[in-house]
Amino acid sequence: MSADNGIYILVSNHPYGNGTEYRVIHAQAIENIFDEPNFPFDKPKFNKDQLISYFGKSRSTRNPDKAAFIADMKFKNSFICESGLFTFT
Protein backbone atom coordinates (compact mmCIF):
# COMPACT_ATOMS: atom_id res chain seq x y z
CA MET A 1 0.00 0.00 0.00
CA SER A 2 1.34 3.34 -1.02
CA ALA A 3 1.04 6.61 0.84
CA ASP A 4 1.26 8.57 -2.42
CA ASN A 5 -1.81 10.68 -2.99
CA GLY A 6 -3.39 12.20 -6.06
CA ILE A 7 -6.52 13.55 -7.66
CA TYR A 8 -8.53 10.87 -9.47
CA ILE A 9 -11.48 11.03 -11.86
CA LEU A 10 -13.58 7.92 -12.38
CA VAL A 11 -15.49 7.84 -15.68
CA SER A 12 -18.31 5.29 -15.70
CA ASN A 13 -21.70 4.57 -17.16
CA HIS A 14 -24.56 6.42 -15.51
CA PRO A 15 -26.42 3.99 -13.21
CA TYR A 16 -29.63 4.37 -15.22
CA GLY A 17 -27.82 3.54 -18.46
CA ASN A 18 -28.21 6.87 -20.20
CA GLY A 19 -24.79 8.43 -20.60
CA THR A 20 -21.62 8.86 -18.62
CA GLU A 21 -20.90 10.13 -15.12
CA TYR A 22 -17.73 11.47 -13.53
CA ARG A 23 -16.61 11.29 -9.90
CA VAL A 24 -13.60 13.16 -8.52
CA ILE A 25 -11.65 12.33 -5.36
CA HIS A 26 -8.40 13.22 -3.62
CA ALA A 27 -7.08 9.96 -2.17
CA GLN A 28 -4.01 7.94 -1.33
CA ALA A 29 -3.14 4.30 -2.01
CA ILE A 30 -5.31 4.30 -5.13
CA GLU A 31 -3.71 1.07 -6.34
CA ASN A 32 -6.08 -0.68 -3.91
CA ILE A 33 -8.88 -0.29 -6.48
CA PHE A 34 -7.14 -2.85 -8.71
CA ASP A 35 -7.01 -6.63 -8.42
CA GLU A 36 -3.83 -6.86 -10.49
CA PRO A 37 -0.71 -6.56 -8.31
CA ASN A 38 1.48 -5.25 -11.18
CA PHE A 39 -0.32 -1.95 -11.68
CA PRO A 40 0.50 0.01 -13.86
CA PHE A 41 2.49 -2.53 -15.93
CA ASP A 42 -0.28 -5.11 -16.48
CA LYS A 43 -3.77 -4.20 -17.66
CA PRO A 44 -5.59 -3.63 -14.37
CA LYS A 45 -8.94 -5.05 -13.37
CA PHE A 46 -11.04 -2.98 -11.03
CA ASN A 47 -12.01 -4.33 -7.63
CA LYS A 48 -15.66 -3.23 -7.40
CA ASP A 49 -15.73 -3.18 -3.59
CA GLN A 50 -12.70 -0.89 -3.49
CA LEU A 51 -14.12 1.34 -6.23
CA ILE A 52 -17.21 1.86 -4.10
CA SER A 53 -15.06 2.43 -1.02
CA TYR A 54 -13.02 5.14 -2.74
CA PHE A 55 -15.54 6.81 -5.06
CA GLY A 56 -18.94 5.87 -3.61
CA LYS A 57 -19.42 8.92 -1.40
CA SER A 58 -18.21 11.44 -3.95
CA ARG A 59 -20.76 13.50 -5.84
CA SER A 60 -21.18 12.73 -9.51
CA THR A 61 -21.53 15.00 -12.50
CA ARG A 62 -22.48 14.24 -16.07
CA ASN A 63 -20.43 17.16 -17.40
CA PRO A 64 -16.77 16.32 -18.19
CA ASP A 65 -15.77 20.00 -18.04
CA LYS A 66 -17.23 20.30 -14.55
CA ALA A 67 -15.34 17.16 -13.46
CA ALA A 68 -12.11 18.66 -14.82
CA PHE A 69 -12.85 21.92 -12.99
CA ILE A 70 -13.49 20.06 -9.71
CA ALA A 71 -10.26 18.09 -10.15
CA ASP A 72 -8.33 21.29 -10.83
CA MET A 73 -9.78 22.96 -7.72
CA LYS A 74 -8.93 19.92 -5.59
CA PHE A 75 -5.40 19.97 -6.98
CA LYS A 76 -4.95 23.69 -6.31
CA ASN A 77 -6.33 23.36 -2.77
CA SER A 78 -4.31 20.29 -1.81
CA PHE A 79 -1.28 20.90 0.36
CA ILE A 80 0.57 18.03 -1.28
CA CYS A 81 -0.32 15.97 -4.34
CA GLU A 82 2.47 13.52 -5.10
CA SER A 83 0.90 11.50 -7.94
CA GLY A 84 -0.80 14.29 -9.86
CA LEU A 85 -4.09 13.87 -11.72
CA PHE A 86 -5.34 10.61 -13.25
CA THR A 87 -8.50 9.55 -15.03
CA PHE A 88 -9.82 5.97 -14.81
CA THR A 89 -12.27 4.73 -17.43
C-alpha atoms as a PDB file:
ATOM      1  CA  MET A   1       0.000   0.000   0.000  1.00  0.00           C
ATOM      2  CA  SER A   2       1.336   3.343  -1.024  1.00  0.00           C
ATOM      3  CA  ALA A   3       1.040   6.607   0.840  1.00  0.00           C
ATOM      4  CA  ASP A   4       1.258   8.572  -2.419  1.00  0.00           C
ATOM      5  CA  ASN A   5      -1.813  10.676  -2.993  1.00  0.00           C
ATOM      6  CA  GLY A   6      -3.386  12.200  -6.057  1.00  0.00           C
ATOM      7  CA  ILE A   7      -6.525  13.546  -7.663  1.00  0.00           C
ATOM      8  CA  TYR A   8      -8.528  10.872  -9.467  1.00  0.00           C
ATOM      9  CA  ILE A   9     -11.478  11.027 -11.861  1.00  0.00           C
ATOM     10  CA  LEU A  10     -13.584   7.919 -12.377  1.00  0.00           C
ATOM     11  CA  VAL A  11     -15.486   7.836 -15.684  1.00  0.00           C
ATOM     12  CA  SER A  12     -18.311   5.295 -15.701  1.00  0.00           C
ATOM     13  CA  ASN A  13     -21.703   4.572 -17.158  1.00  0.00           C
ATOM     14  CA  HIS A  14     -24.556   6.417 -15.510  1.00  0.00           C
ATOM     15  CA  PRO A  15     -26.422   3.991 -13.213  1.00  0.00           C
ATOM     16  CA  TYR A  16     -29.630   4.375 -15.221  1.00  0.00           C
ATOM     17  CA  GLY A  17     -27.816   3.544 -18.458  1.00  0.00           C
ATOM     18  CA  ASN A  18     -28.213   6.869 -20.197  1.00  0.00           C
ATOM     19  CA  GLY A  19     -24.794   8.428 -20.597  1.00  0.00           C
ATOM     20  CA  THR A  20     -21.622   8.865 -18.619  1.00  0.00           C
ATOM     21  CA  GLU A  21     -20.901  10.133 -15.119  1.00  0.00           C
ATOM     22  CA  TYR A  22     -17.730  11.471 -13.532  1.00  0.00           C
ATOM     23  CA  ARG A  23     -16.612  11.286  -9.898  1.00  0.00           C
ATOM     24  CA  VAL A  24     -13.600  13.157  -8.524  1.00  0.00           C
ATOM     25  CA  ILE A  25     -11.649  12.335  -5.361  1.00  0.00           C
ATOM     26  CA  HIS A  26      -8.399  13.225  -3.617  1.00  0.00           C
ATOM     27  CA  ALA A  27      -7.083   9.962  -2.168  1.00  0.00           C
ATOM     28  CA  GLN A  28      -4.013   7.937  -1.326  1.00  0.00           C
ATOM     29  CA  ALA A  29      -3.138   4.299  -2.012  1.00  0.00           C
ATOM     30  CA  ILE A  30      -5.307   4.303  -5.133  1.00  0.00           C
ATOM     31  CA  GLU A  31      -3.712   1.068  -6.341  1.00  0.00           C
ATOM     32  CA  ASN A  32      -6.078  -0.684  -3.915  1.00  0.00           C
ATOM     33  CA  ILE A  33      -8.877  -0.290  -6.475  1.00  0.00           C
ATOM     34  CA  PHE A  34      -7.138  -2.850  -8.708  1.00  0.00           C
ATOM     35  CA  ASP A  35      -7.014  -6.629  -8.421  1.00  0.00           C
ATOM     36  CA  GLU A  36      -3.828  -6.855 -10.488  1.00  0.00           C
ATOM     37  CA  PRO A  37      -0.710  -6.558  -8.313  1.00  0.00           C
ATOM     38  CA  ASN A  38       1.482  -5.253 -11.176  1.00  0.00           C
ATOM     39  CA  PHE A  39      -0.324  -1.949 -11.683  1.00  0.00           C
ATOM     40  CA  PRO A  40       0.501   0.007 -13.857  1.00  0.00           C
ATOM     41  CA  PHE A  41       2.488  -2.531 -15.932  1.00  0.00           C
ATOM     42  CA  ASP A  42      -0.284  -5.108 -16.483  1.00  0.00           C
ATOM     43  CA  LYS A  43      -3.768  -4.202 -17.664  1.00  0.00           C
ATOM     44  CA  PRO A  44      -5.592  -3.629 -14.368  1.00  0.00           C
ATOM     45  CA  LYS A  45      -8.943  -5.047 -13.374  1.00  0.00           C
ATOM     46  CA  PHE A  46     -11.043  -2.979 -11.028  1.00  0.00           C
ATOM     47  CA  ASN A  47     -12.010  -4.332  -7.630  1.00  0.00           C
ATOM     48  CA  LYS A  48     -15.660  -3.226  -7.403  1.00  0.00           C
ATOM     49  CA  ASP A  49     -15.733  -3.177  -3.587  1.00  0.00           C
ATOM     50  CA  GLN A  50     -12.702  -0.888  -3.487  1.00  0.00           C
ATOM     51  CA  LEU A  51     -14.122   1.345  -6.227  1.00  0.00           C
ATOM     52  CA  ILE A  52     -17.206   1.859  -4.096  1.00  0.00           C
ATOM     53  CA  SER A  53     -15.063   2.435  -1.018  1.00  0.00           C
ATOM     54  CA  TYR A  54     -13.023   5.138  -2.739  1.00  0.00           C
ATOM     55  CA  PHE A  55     -15.543   6.810  -5.063  1.00  0.00           C
ATOM     56  CA  GLY A  56     -18.937   5.867  -3.605  1.00  0.00           C
ATOM     57  CA  LYS A  57     -19.418   8.919  -1.396  1.00  0.00           C
ATOM     58  CA  SER A  58     -18.210  11.442  -3.952  1.00  0.00           C
ATOM     59  CA  ARG A  59     -20.759  13.499  -5.841  1.00  0.00           C
ATOM     60  CA  SER A  60     -21.180  12.729  -9.506  1.00  0.00           C
ATOM     61  CA  THR A  61     -21.533  14.999 -12.496  1.00  0.00           C
ATOM     62  CA  ARG A  62     -22.475  14.240 -16.073  1.00  0.00           C
ATOM     63  CA  ASN A  63     -20.433  17.159 -17.397  1.00  0.00           C
ATOM     64  CA  PRO A  64     -16.769  16.324 -18.190  1.00  0.00           C
ATOM     65  CA  ASP A  65     -15.771  20.000 -18.040  1.00  0.00           C
ATOM     66  CA  LYS A  66     -17.233  20.301 -14.548  1.00  0.00           C
ATOM     67  CA  ALA A  67     -15.340  17.157 -13.461  1.00  0.00           C
ATOM     68  CA  ALA A  68     -12.109  18.665 -14.816  1.00  0.00           C
ATOM     69  CA  PHE A  69     -12.845  21.921 -12.988  1.00  0.00           C
ATOM     70  CA  ILE A  70     -13.491  20.064  -9.713  1.00  0.00           C
ATOM     71  CA  ALA A  71     -10.260  18.091 -10.152  1.00  0.00           C
ATOM     72  CA  ASP A  72      -8.330  21.291 -10.831  1.00  0.00           C
ATOM     73  CA  MET A  73      -9.780  22.956  -7.723  1.00  0.00           C
ATOM     74  CA  LYS A  74      -8.928  19.917  -5.589  1.00  0.00           C
ATOM     75  CA  PHE A  75      -5.397  19.967  -6.978  1.00  0.00           C
ATOM     76  CA  LYS A  76      -4.947  23.692  -6.312  1.00  0.00           C
ATOM     77  CA  ASN A  77      -6.329  23.357  -2.774  1.00  0.00           C
ATOM     78  CA  SER A  78      -4.313  20.294  -1.806  1.00  0.00           C
ATOM     79  CA  PHE A  79      -1.278  20.898   0.363  1.00  0.00           C
ATOM     80  CA  ILE A  80       0.570  18.029  -1.279  1.00  0.00           C
ATOM     81  CA  CYS A  81      -0.319  15.973  -4.342  1.00  0.00           C
ATOM     82  CA  GLU A  82       2.470  13.521  -5.104  1.00  0.00           C
ATOM     83  CA  SER A  83       0.903  11.503  -7.937  1.00  0.00           C
ATOM     84  CA  GLY A  84      -0.804  14.290  -9.858  1.00  0.00           C
ATOM     85  CA  LEU A  85      -4.093  13.870 -11.718  1.00  0.00           C
ATOM     86  CA  PHE A  86      -5.339  10.607 -13.252  1.00  0.00           C
ATOM     87  CA  THR A  87      -8.505   9.547 -15.032  1.00  0.00           C
ATOM     88  CA  PHE A  88      -9.819   5.973 -14.811  1.00  0.00           C
ATOM     89  CA  THR A  89     -12.266   4.734 -17.432  1.00  0.00           C
END
